[in-house]
Amino acid sequence: RAESHLSLGILAENQNLPAEAEKHYRDAIIRDELFVPARMNLATLLSGQGRAAEAEQLLREAVRIQPTWGQIHYSLGLLLAENREKLPEAIRSLERAAGYWQENPRVNYNLGIAYWQSNRLDDALRSFDQSIRLQPDNPEFRQRISELYAQQGRWAEALPHLKRLNELVPGNPQINAFLDEAQQRALAPKN
């Protein structure tokens, strides 16, 4: 059964036997060509080996099989985002993932990063806000939105996020310095 080969592939990966894992994942796909989990695991394995083109093909096949499975769109978006030239397509995949997998804050976070890299700053802020709504105590999310606000000179808007970040990661000298800078700049008179 395909499920058995998937389990054997996972076991082989856990034992650091990538060639054996690849064989089991491929056997699972041969036994059930619509079995998406094997494609997902194989794509992750191949991507980790620098075989991005093969991984992309597997994920595209998985999207055709399960077009509303947000995790596939997320994986494809992350893979595509590794290539700067494919960033617009990565954003489309991540947007689909955000629509189908709304409860996962990392989807919106990574979508925000992709928007930021594409200079779509308002979209990036909205995505970071959504990730924070889903997981308000994640310091990484607070850090990124603070950095983006600071980059835009919007210090007053960065300040509440930096204060919360400072509470989440107390005693961090970089965060303390960033918070001090934001407080000074937020209070500075505008020219």
N, C-alpha and C. Protein backbone atom coordinates (compact mmCIF):
# COMPACT_ATOMS: atom_id res chain seq x y z
N ARG A 1 0.83 -1.20 0.00
CA ARG A 1 0.00 0.00 0.00
C ARG A 1 0.87 1.26 0.00
N ALA A 2 0.32 2.29 -0.56
CA ALA A 2 1.05 3.56 -0.63
C ALA A 2 1.40 4.07 0.77
N GLU A 3 0.45 3.93 1.69
CA GLU A 3 0.68 4.41 3.05
C GLU A 3 1.86 3.70 3.72
N SER A 4 2.00 2.42 3.44
CA SER A 4 3.12 1.66 4.01
C SER A 4 4.45 2.17 3.48
N HIS A 5 4.50 2.45 2.19
CA HIS A 5 5.75 2.97 1.62
C HIS A 5 6.05 4.38 2.14
N LEU A 6 5.00 5.17 2.37
CA LEU A 6 5.21 6.49 2.98
C LEU A 6 5.85 6.32 4.35
N SER A 7 5.31 5.42 5.15
CA SER A 7 5.87 5.19 6.49
C SER A 7 7.31 4.69 6.42
N LEU A 8 7.58 3.81 5.48
CA LEU A 8 8.95 3.31 5.32
C LEU A 8 9.89 4.44 4.86
N GLY A 9 9.38 5.32 4.02
CA GLY A 9 10.18 6.46 3.58
C GLY A 9 10.51 7.39 4.74
N ILE A 10 9.53 7.65 5.58
CA ILE A 10 9.76 8.50 6.75
C ILE A 10 10.77 7.85 7.67
N LEU A 11 10.64 6.56 7.89
CA LEU A 11 11.58 5.82 8.73
C LEU A 11 13.00 5.91 8.15
N ALA A 12 13.13 5.72 6.84
CA ALA A 12 14.45 5.81 6.20
C ALA A 12 15.04 7.21 6.35
N GLU A 13 14.19 8.23 6.19
CA GLU A 13 14.69 9.60 6.38
C GLU A 13 15.17 9.81 7.81
N ASN A 14 14.41 9.30 8.77
CA ASN A 14 14.80 9.44 10.18
C ASN A 14 16.10 8.71 10.49
N GLN A 15 16.41 7.69 9.70
CA GLN A 15 17.65 6.94 9.87
C GLN A 15 18.76 7.48 8.98
N ASN A 16 18.52 8.65 8.37
CA ASN A 16 19.49 9.31 7.49
C ASN A 16 19.87 8.42 6.30
N LEU A 17 18.85 7.85 5.67
CA LEU A 17 19.03 7.02 4.48
C LEU A 17 18.21 7.64 3.34
N PRO A 18 18.68 8.76 2.78
CA PRO A 18 17.87 9.49 1.80
C PRO A 18 17.56 8.71 0.53
N ALA A 19 18.49 7.91 0.04
CA ALA A 19 18.23 7.15 -1.19
C ALA A 19 17.11 6.13 -0.96
N GLU A 20 17.15 5.49 0.19
CA GLU A 20 16.10 4.52 0.52
C GLU A 20 14.76 5.23 0.71
N ALA A 21 14.79 6.37 1.35
CA ALA A 21 13.56 7.15 1.54
C ALA A 21 12.97 7.54 0.19
N GLU A 22 13.82 8.03 -0.71
CA GLU A 22 13.35 8.41 -2.05
C GLU A 22 12.69 7.23 -2.75
N LYS A 23 13.31 6.05 -2.66
CA LYS A 23 12.75 4.85 -3.30
C LYS A 23 11.36 4.54 -2.73
N HIS A 24 11.21 4.60 -1.42
CA HIS A 24 9.91 4.30 -0.82
C HIS A 24 8.86 5.33 -1.21
N TYR A 25 9.23 6.60 -1.24
CA TYR A 25 8.26 7.62 -1.64
C TYR A 25 7.83 7.41 -3.10
N ARG A 26 8.79 7.10 -3.95
CA ARG A 26 8.45 6.84 -5.36
C ARG A 26 7.58 5.59 -5.50
N ASP A 27 7.88 4.57 -4.70
CA ASP A 27 7.05 3.36 -4.72
C ASP A 27 5.62 3.68 -4.28
N ALA A 28 5.48 4.55 -3.30
CA ALA A 28 4.14 4.95 -2.85
C ALA A 28 3.37 5.63 -3.98
N ILE A 29 4.06 6.49 -4.72
CA ILE A 29 3.42 7.20 -5.83
C ILE A 29 3.05 6.23 -6.95
N ILE A 30 3.90 5.24 -7.19
CA ILE A 30 3.59 4.23 -8.21
C ILE A 30 2.34 3.44 -7.81
N ARG A 31 2.24 3.10 -6.54
CA ARG A 31 1.09 2.32 -6.06
C ARG A 31 -0.21 3.13 -6.06
N ASP A 32 -0.09 4.43 -5.82
CA ASP A 32 -1.28 5.30 -5.83
C ASP A 32 -0.86 6.66 -6.35
N GLU A 33 -1.12 6.87 -7.63
CA GLU A 33 -0.65 8.11 -8.26
C GLU A 33 -1.34 9.36 -7.73
N LEU A 34 -2.41 9.20 -6.96
CA LEU A 34 -3.11 10.33 -6.37
C LEU A 34 -2.73 10.55 -4.91
N PHE A 35 -1.74 9.84 -4.42
CA PHE A 35 -1.35 9.90 -3.01
C PHE A 35 -0.41 11.09 -2.79
N VAL A 36 -0.99 12.18 -2.35
CA VAL A 36 -0.27 13.45 -2.22
C VAL A 36 0.79 13.44 -1.12
N PRO A 37 0.56 12.83 0.05
CA PRO A 37 1.59 12.89 1.09
C PRO A 37 2.97 12.38 0.64
N ALA A 38 2.99 11.35 -0.18
CA ALA A 38 4.29 10.84 -0.67
C ALA A 38 4.96 11.89 -1.57
N ARG A 39 4.17 12.56 -2.40
CA ARG A 39 4.73 13.63 -3.25
C ARG A 39 5.30 14.76 -2.39
N MET A 40 4.57 15.11 -1.35
CA MET A 40 5.02 16.19 -0.47
C MET A 40 6.35 15.82 0.20
N ASN A 41 6.42 14.63 0.76
CA ASN A 41 7.65 14.22 1.45
C ASN A 41 8.81 14.09 0.47
N LEU A 42 8.53 13.54 -0.70
CA LEU A 42 9.58 13.40 -1.70
C LEU A 42 10.06 14.77 -2.16
N ALA A 43 9.15 15.71 -2.35
CA ALA A 43 9.54 17.07 -2.76
C ALA A 43 10.43 17.71 -1.70
N THR A 44 10.08 17.54 -0.44
CA THR A 44 10.90 18.10 0.65
C THR A 44 12.28 17.46 0.65
N LEU A 45 12.33 16.16 0.48
CA LEU A 45 13.61 15.44 0.45
C LEU A 45 14.47 15.93 -0.71
N LEU A 46 13.89 16.02 -1.89
CA LEU A 46 14.65 16.44 -3.08
C LEU A 46 15.10 17.89 -2.97
N SER A 47 14.24 18.74 -2.46
CA SER A 47 14.61 20.14 -2.28
C SER A 47 15.81 20.27 -1.35
N GLY A 48 15.83 19.48 -0.29
CA GLY A 48 16.95 19.50 0.65
C GLY A 48 18.25 19.00 0.03
N GLN A 49 18.13 18.30 -1.08
CA GLN A 49 19.31 17.80 -1.79
C GLN A 49 19.70 18.72 -2.94
N GLY A 50 19.06 19.87 -3.05
CA GLY A 50 19.37 20.80 -4.13
C GLY A 50 18.71 20.42 -5.45
N ARG A 51 17.70 19.61 -5.40
CA ARG A 51 17.00 19.16 -6.61
C ARG A 51 15.66 19.88 -6.72
N ALA A 52 15.76 21.21 -6.77
CA ALA A 52 14.57 22.06 -6.71
C ALA A 52 13.64 21.84 -7.90
N ALA A 53 14.16 21.63 -9.09
CA ALA A 53 13.30 21.45 -10.27
C ALA A 53 12.43 20.21 -10.12
N GLU A 54 13.00 19.13 -9.63
CA GLU A 54 12.22 17.91 -9.42
C GLU A 54 11.18 18.12 -8.32
N ALA A 55 11.59 18.80 -7.26
CA ALA A 55 10.67 19.07 -6.15
C ALA A 55 9.51 19.94 -6.64
N GLU A 56 9.81 20.94 -7.44
CA GLU A 56 8.77 21.82 -7.97
C GLU A 56 7.78 21.03 -8.81
N GLN A 57 8.28 20.15 -9.66
CA GLN A 57 7.39 19.34 -10.50
C GLN A 57 6.45 18.49 -9.64
N LEU A 58 6.98 17.87 -8.59
CA LEU A 58 6.16 17.05 -7.70
C LEU A 58 5.08 17.89 -7.01
N LEU A 59 5.45 19.08 -6.57
CA LEU A 59 4.48 19.94 -5.89
C LEU A 59 3.42 20.45 -6.86
N ARG A 60 3.80 20.72 -8.09
CA ARG A 60 2.81 21.14 -9.09
C ARG A 60 1.83 20.00 -9.38
N GLU A 61 2.35 18.77 -9.44
CA GLU A 61 1.46 17.62 -9.62
C GLU A 61 0.51 17.50 -8.43
N ALA A 62 1.04 17.72 -7.23
CA ALA A 62 0.21 17.63 -6.02
C ALA A 62 -0.89 18.69 -6.03
N VAL A 63 -0.57 19.88 -6.50
CA VAL A 63 -1.57 20.95 -6.59
C VAL A 63 -2.68 20.54 -7.56
N ARG A 64 -2.31 19.90 -8.66
CA ARG A 64 -3.33 19.46 -9.62
C ARG A 64 -4.25 18.40 -8.99
N ILE A 65 -3.68 17.56 -8.15
CA ILE A 65 -4.45 16.48 -7.52
C ILE A 65 -5.34 17.02 -6.39
N GLN A 66 -4.78 17.90 -5.57
CA GLN A 66 -5.49 18.45 -4.40
C GLN A 66 -5.41 19.98 -4.43
N PRO A 67 -6.16 20.63 -5.32
CA PRO A 67 -6.01 22.08 -5.51
C PRO A 67 -6.41 22.95 -4.32
N THR A 68 -7.12 22.39 -3.35
CA THR A 68 -7.53 23.21 -2.20
C THR A 68 -6.78 22.85 -0.92
N TRP A 69 -5.71 22.11 -1.03
CA TRP A 69 -4.91 21.75 0.13
C TRP A 69 -3.87 22.84 0.33
N GLY A 70 -4.08 23.67 1.34
CA GLY A 70 -3.22 24.82 1.59
C GLY A 70 -1.76 24.48 1.81
N GLN A 71 -1.49 23.35 2.43
CA GLN A 71 -0.11 22.98 2.72
C GLN A 71 0.70 22.78 1.44
N ILE A 72 0.06 22.28 0.39
CA ILE A 72 0.78 22.10 -0.88
C ILE A 72 1.14 23.46 -1.46
N HIS A 73 0.18 24.38 -1.48
CA HIS A 73 0.45 25.72 -2.01
C HIS A 73 1.54 26.40 -1.19
N TYR A 74 1.52 26.18 0.12
CA TYR A 74 2.54 26.76 1.00
C TYR A 74 3.92 26.21 0.65
N SER A 75 4.02 24.90 0.53
CA SER A 75 5.31 24.28 0.20
C SER A 75 5.80 24.76 -1.17
N LEU A 76 4.90 24.82 -2.13
CA LEU A 76 5.29 25.29 -3.46
C LEU A 76 5.73 26.76 -3.40
N GLY A 77 4.99 27.57 -2.66
CA GLY A 77 5.35 28.99 -2.53
C GLY A 77 6.72 29.18 -1.91
N LEU A 78 7.00 28.42 -0.86
CA LEU A 78 8.32 28.53 -0.22
C LEU A 78 9.44 28.10 -1.17
N LEU A 79 9.20 27.03 -1.90
CA LEU A 79 10.20 26.55 -2.86
C LEU A 79 10.44 27.58 -3.96
N LEU A 80 9.37 28.12 -4.51
CA LEU A 80 9.50 29.12 -5.58
C LEU A 80 10.18 30.39 -5.07
N ALA A 81 9.93 30.75 -3.82
CA ALA A 81 10.50 31.99 -3.26
C ALA A 81 12.01 31.92 -3.13
N GLU A 82 12.57 30.72 -3.17
CA GLU A 82 14.03 30.58 -3.11
C GLU A 82 14.70 31.12 -4.37
N ASN A 83 13.93 31.25 -5.45
CA ASN A 83 14.44 31.79 -6.72
C ASN A 83 13.80 33.16 -6.92
N ARG A 84 14.61 34.19 -6.82
CA ARG A 84 14.12 35.58 -6.90
C ARG A 84 13.27 35.83 -8.15
N GLU A 85 13.62 35.17 -9.26
CA GLU A 85 12.87 35.36 -10.51
C GLU A 85 11.47 34.78 -10.43
N LYS A 86 11.25 33.85 -9.53
CA LYS A 86 9.94 33.22 -9.40
C LYS A 86 9.13 33.81 -8.25
N LEU A 87 9.57 34.93 -7.71
CA LEU A 87 8.90 35.52 -6.56
C LEU A 87 7.43 35.87 -6.83
N PRO A 88 7.07 36.44 -8.00
CA PRO A 88 5.65 36.71 -8.24
C PRO A 88 4.79 35.44 -8.18
N GLU A 89 5.30 34.35 -8.75
CA GLU A 89 4.56 33.09 -8.70
C GLU A 89 4.53 32.53 -7.28
N ALA A 90 5.62 32.72 -6.55
CA ALA A 90 5.66 32.29 -5.15
C ALA A 90 4.59 33.02 -4.35
N ILE A 91 4.44 34.30 -4.60
CA ILE A 91 3.42 35.09 -3.90
C ILE A 91 2.03 34.54 -4.21
N ARG A 92 1.76 34.21 -5.46
CA ARG A 92 0.44 33.66 -5.80
C ARG A 92 0.19 32.35 -5.06
N SER A 93 1.20 31.50 -4.98
CA SER A 93 1.04 30.23 -4.24
C SER A 93 0.82 30.48 -2.76
N LEU A 94 1.57 31.41 -2.20
CA LEU A 94 1.41 31.72 -0.78
C LEU A 94 0.06 32.37 -0.50
N GLU A 95 -0.43 33.18 -1.44
CA GLU A 95 -1.76 33.77 -1.27
C GLU A 95 -2.83 32.67 -1.26
N ARG A 96 -2.69 31.70 -2.15
CA ARG A 96 -3.63 30.57 -2.16
C ARG A 96 -3.54 29.81 -0.85
N ALA A 97 -2.32 29.58 -0.40
CA ALA A 97 -2.12 28.86 0.87
C ALA A 97 -2.81 29.60 2.01
N ALA A 98 -2.67 30.93 2.03
CA ALA A 98 -3.30 31.73 3.09
C ALA A 98 -4.82 31.62 3.03
N GLY A 99 -5.36 31.48 1.84
CA GLY A 99 -6.80 31.33 1.70
C GLY A 99 -7.30 29.97 2.16
N TYR A 100 -6.53 28.93 1.88
CA TYR A 100 -6.96 27.56 2.21
C TYR A 100 -6.51 27.10 3.59
N TRP A 101 -5.47 27.72 4.13
CA TRP A 101 -4.89 27.26 5.39
C TRP A 101 -4.82 28.44 6.35
N GLN A 102 -5.96 29.00 6.63
CA GLN A 102 -6.07 30.26 7.35
C GLN A 102 -5.60 30.19 8.79
N GLU A 103 -5.60 29.01 9.38
CA GLU A 103 -5.24 28.88 10.79
C GLU A 103 -3.73 28.80 11.02
N ASN A 104 -2.93 28.76 9.96
CA ASN A 104 -1.48 28.64 10.11
C ASN A 104 -0.83 30.02 10.01
N PRO A 105 -0.32 30.57 11.12
CA PRO A 105 0.27 31.91 11.08
C PRO A 105 1.54 32.01 10.25
N ARG A 106 2.27 30.90 10.08
CA ARG A 106 3.52 30.94 9.29
C ARG A 106 3.24 31.24 7.82
N VAL A 107 2.07 30.84 7.34
CA VAL A 107 1.73 31.12 5.94
C VAL A 107 1.70 32.62 5.72
N ASN A 108 0.97 33.34 6.58
CA ASN A 108 0.90 34.79 6.44
C ASN A 108 2.25 35.45 6.69
N TYR A 109 3.00 34.93 7.62
CA TYR A 109 4.33 35.47 7.89
C TYR A 109 5.21 35.37 6.64
N ASN A 110 5.27 34.19 6.05
CA ASN A 110 6.11 34.02 4.86
C ASN A 110 5.57 34.78 3.66
N LEU A 111 4.25 34.91 3.57
CA LEU A 111 3.67 35.75 2.54
C LEU A 111 4.10 37.20 2.75
N GLY A 112 4.12 37.65 3.99
CA GLY A 112 4.59 39.00 4.29
C GLY A 112 6.03 39.22 3.87
N ILE A 113 6.88 38.23 4.12
CA ILE A 113 8.29 38.33 3.69
C ILE A 113 8.37 38.45 2.17
N ALA A 114 7.58 37.62 1.46
CA ALA A 114 7.60 37.65 -0.01
C ALA A 114 7.10 39.00 -0.53
N TYR A 115 6.03 39.52 0.08
CA TYR A 115 5.55 40.85 -0.31
C TYR A 115 6.64 41.89 -0.08
N TRP A 116 7.30 41.82 1.06
CA TRP A 116 8.35 42.78 1.41
C TRP A 116 9.46 42.73 0.36
N GLN A 117 9.86 41.52 -0.01
CA GLN A 117 10.92 41.37 -1.02
C GLN A 117 10.48 41.92 -2.38
N SER A 118 9.17 41.98 -2.61
CA SER A 118 8.63 42.51 -3.86
C SER A 118 8.25 43.99 -3.74
N ASN A 119 8.60 44.58 -2.60
CA ASN A 119 8.33 45.99 -2.33
C ASN A 119 6.83 46.30 -2.28
N ARG A 120 6.04 45.31 -1.91
CA ARG A 120 4.60 45.50 -1.69
C ARG A 120 4.42 45.66 -0.18
N LEU A 121 4.80 46.81 0.32
CA LEU A 121 4.94 47.00 1.76
C LEU A 121 3.62 47.00 2.52
N ASP A 122 2.58 47.60 1.96
CA ASP A 122 1.29 47.59 2.66
C ASP A 122 0.75 46.16 2.75
N ASP A 123 0.92 45.39 1.67
CA ASP A 123 0.50 43.99 1.70
C ASP A 123 1.31 43.22 2.74
N ALA A 124 2.60 43.51 2.82
CA ALA A 124 3.45 42.84 3.81
C ALA A 124 2.97 43.14 5.23
N LEU A 125 2.67 44.40 5.49
CA LEU A 125 2.18 44.77 6.83
C LEU A 125 0.88 44.05 7.18
N ARG A 126 -0.03 43.96 6.20
CA ARG A 126 -1.30 43.26 6.45
C ARG A 126 -1.05 41.78 6.74
N SER A 127 -0.13 41.18 6.01
CA SER A 127 0.17 39.76 6.24
C SER A 127 0.81 39.55 7.60
N PHE A 128 1.75 40.43 7.97
CA PHE A 128 2.37 40.32 9.29
C PHE A 128 1.33 40.52 10.39
N ASP A 129 0.43 41.48 10.19
CA ASP A 129 -0.65 41.71 11.17
C ASP A 129 -1.50 40.45 11.35
N GLN A 130 -1.81 39.80 10.24
CA GLN A 130 -2.62 38.58 10.31
C GLN A 130 -1.87 37.48 11.06
N SER A 131 -0.58 37.34 10.82
CA SER A 131 0.19 36.31 11.54
C SER A 131 0.21 36.62 13.04
N ILE A 132 0.30 37.91 13.38
CA ILE A 132 0.29 38.31 14.80
C ILE A 132 -1.08 38.06 15.42
N ARG A 133 -2.15 38.31 14.66
CA ARG A 133 -3.49 38.01 15.20
C ARG A 133 -3.62 36.52 15.52
N LEU A 134 -3.04 35.69 14.70
CA LEU A 134 -3.13 34.25 14.91
C LEU A 134 -2.19 33.76 16.02
N GLN A 135 -1.05 34.44 16.18
CA GLN A 135 -0.07 34.02 17.18
C GLN A 135 0.60 35.25 17.77
N PRO A 136 -0.11 35.95 18.68
CA PRO A 136 0.37 37.24 19.17
C PRO A 136 1.67 37.20 19.97
N ASP A 137 2.03 36.06 20.48
CA ASP A 137 3.24 35.99 21.31
C ASP A 137 4.44 35.41 20.58
N ASN A 138 4.41 35.43 19.27
CA ASN A 138 5.56 34.96 18.49
C ASN A 138 6.53 36.12 18.30
N PRO A 139 7.71 36.07 18.91
CA PRO A 139 8.65 37.20 18.81
C PRO A 139 9.13 37.46 17.38
N GLU A 140 9.25 36.42 16.58
CA GLU A 140 9.72 36.60 15.21
C GLU A 140 8.76 37.48 14.42
N PHE A 141 7.45 37.27 14.61
CA PHE A 141 6.47 38.07 13.89
C PHE A 141 6.55 39.53 14.32
N ARG A 142 6.69 39.75 15.62
CA ARG A 142 6.78 41.12 16.15
C ARG A 142 8.06 41.81 15.64
N GLN A 143 9.13 41.06 15.57
CA GLN A 143 10.42 41.60 15.10
C GLN A 143 10.29 42.09 13.65
N ARG A 144 9.72 41.24 12.79
CA ARG A 144 9.64 41.60 11.36
C ARG A 144 8.76 42.81 11.12
N ILE A 145 7.59 42.86 11.76
CA ILE A 145 6.70 44.00 11.52
C ILE A 145 7.35 45.28 12.05
N SER A 146 8.09 45.17 13.15
CA SER A 146 8.80 46.34 13.70
C SER A 146 9.87 46.81 12.72
N GLU A 147 10.59 45.87 12.14
CA GLU A 147 11.65 46.23 11.17
C GLU A 147 11.05 46.91 9.94
N LEU A 148 9.91 46.40 9.48
CA LEU A 148 9.29 47.00 8.30
C LEU A 148 8.78 48.41 8.60
N TYR A 149 8.13 48.57 9.75
CA TYR A 149 7.69 49.92 10.14
C TYR A 149 8.89 50.85 10.26
N ALA A 150 9.96 50.39 10.87
CA ALA A 150 11.16 51.22 11.04
C ALA A 150 11.76 51.59 9.70
N GLN A 151 11.80 50.63 8.79
CA GLN A 151 12.34 50.90 7.45
C GLN A 151 11.56 52.02 6.77
N GLN A 152 10.29 52.11 7.06
CA GLN A 152 9.44 53.14 6.46
C GLN A 152 9.43 54.43 7.28
N GLY A 153 10.15 54.44 8.40
CA GLY A 153 10.17 55.61 9.26
C GLY A 153 8.89 55.77 10.07
N ARG A 154 8.14 54.71 10.23
CA ARG A 154 6.86 54.73 10.95
C ARG A 154 7.11 54.21 12.38
N TRP A 155 7.90 54.98 13.10
CA TRP A 155 8.37 54.56 14.42
C TRP A 155 7.26 54.41 15.44
N ALA A 156 6.28 55.29 15.40
CA ALA A 156 5.18 55.21 16.37
C ALA A 156 4.40 53.91 16.19
N GLU A 157 4.29 53.44 14.96
CA GLU A 157 3.58 52.18 14.70
C GLU A 157 4.44 50.97 15.07
N ALA A 158 5.73 51.12 14.99
CA ALA A 158 6.65 50.03 15.39
C ALA A 158 6.68 49.87 16.90
N LEU A 159 6.48 50.96 17.60
CA LEU A 159 6.67 50.99 19.06
C LEU A 159 5.86 49.94 19.83
N PRO A 160 4.54 49.79 19.61
CA PRO A 160 3.82 48.78 20.41
C PRO A 160 4.32 47.36 20.16
N HIS A 161 4.72 47.09 18.93
CA HIS A 161 5.25 45.76 18.62
C HIS A 161 6.60 45.55 19.31
N LEU A 162 7.41 46.58 19.33
CA LEU A 162 8.72 46.47 20.00
C LEU A 162 8.56 46.33 21.51
N LYS A 163 7.60 47.02 22.07
CA LYS A 163 7.36 46.88 23.51
C LYS A 163 6.94 45.45 23.84
N ARG A 164 6.06 44.90 23.02
CA ARG A 164 5.62 43.51 23.25
C ARG A 164 6.78 42.55 23.01
N LEU A 165 7.59 42.82 22.00
CA LEU A 165 8.75 41.98 21.72
C LEU A 165 9.71 42.00 22.91
N ASN A 166 9.90 43.16 23.49
CA ASN A 166 10.77 43.29 24.65
C ASN A 166 10.23 42.49 25.85
N GLU A 167 8.92 42.43 25.98
CA GLU A 167 8.31 41.60 27.04
C GLU A 167 8.50 40.11 26.76
N LEU A 168 8.42 39.74 25.49
CA LEU A 168 8.54 38.34 25.10
C LEU A 168 9.97 37.83 25.19
N VAL A 169 10.93 38.73 24.92
CA VAL A 169 12.35 38.36 24.95
C VAL A 169 13.08 39.37 25.84
N PRO A 170 12.87 39.29 27.14
CA PRO A 170 13.47 40.30 28.04
C PRO A 170 14.99 40.19 28.09
N GLY A 171 15.61 41.35 28.22
CA GLY A 171 17.05 41.40 28.41
C GLY A 171 17.87 41.24 27.14
N ASN A 172 17.25 41.22 25.97
CA ASN A 172 17.98 41.10 24.72
C ASN A 172 18.54 42.47 24.35
N PRO A 173 19.87 42.62 24.27
CA PRO A 173 20.46 43.96 24.03
C PRO A 173 20.07 44.56 22.67
N GLN A 174 19.93 43.73 21.64
CA GLN A 174 19.55 44.27 20.32
C GLN A 174 18.12 44.79 20.34
N ILE A 175 17.24 44.04 21.00
CA ILE A 175 15.84 44.48 21.08
C ILE A 175 15.74 45.73 21.94
N ASN A 176 16.49 45.78 23.05
CA ASN A 176 16.49 46.98 23.90
C ASN A 176 16.96 48.21 23.11
N ALA A 177 18.01 48.04 22.32
CA ALA A 177 18.53 49.16 21.53
C ALA A 177 17.51 49.59 20.48
N PHE A 178 16.88 48.63 19.84
CA PHE A 178 15.85 48.92 18.82
C PHE A 178 14.68 49.65 19.46
N LEU A 179 14.25 49.21 20.63
CA LEU A 179 13.16 49.85 21.36
C LEU A 179 13.53 51.27 21.75
N ASP A 180 14.74 51.46 22.26
CA ASP A 180 15.19 52.82 22.62
C ASP A 180 15.18 53.73 21.41
N GLU A 181 15.69 53.22 20.29
CA GLU A 181 15.71 54.04 19.07
C GLU A 181 14.29 54.39 18.63
N ALA A 182 13.39 53.42 18.67
CA ALA A 182 12.02 53.67 18.26
C ALA A 182 11.36 54.71 19.17
N GLN A 183 11.59 54.62 20.47
CA GLN A 183 11.01 55.58 21.39
C GLN A 183 11.52 56.99 21.12
N GLN A 184 12.81 57.12 20.87
CA GLN A 184 13.39 58.44 20.59
C GLN A 184 12.84 58.99 19.28
N ARG A 185 12.81 58.15 18.25
CA ARG A 185 12.37 58.64 16.94
C ARG A 185 10.86 58.90 16.91
N ALA A 186 10.09 58.12 17.65
CA ALA A 186 8.63 58.33 17.67
C ALA A 186 8.29 59.66 18.33
N LEU A 187 9.14 60.08 19.29
CA LEU A 187 8.88 61.33 20.01
C LEU A 187 9.55 62.54 19.36
N ALA A 188 10.46 62.28 18.43
CA ALA A 188 11.19 63.38 17.78
C ALA A 188 10.22 64.24 16.95
N PRO A 189 10.43 65.55 16.97
CA PRO A 189 9.56 66.42 16.17
C PRO A 189 9.76 66.17 14.67
N LYS A 190 8.67 66.23 13.95
CA LYS A 190 8.72 66.04 12.50
C LYS A 190 9.20 67.33 11.84
N ASN A 191 10.02 67.19 10.81
CA ASN A 191 10.53 68.38 10.11
C ASN A 191 9.52 68.90 9.11
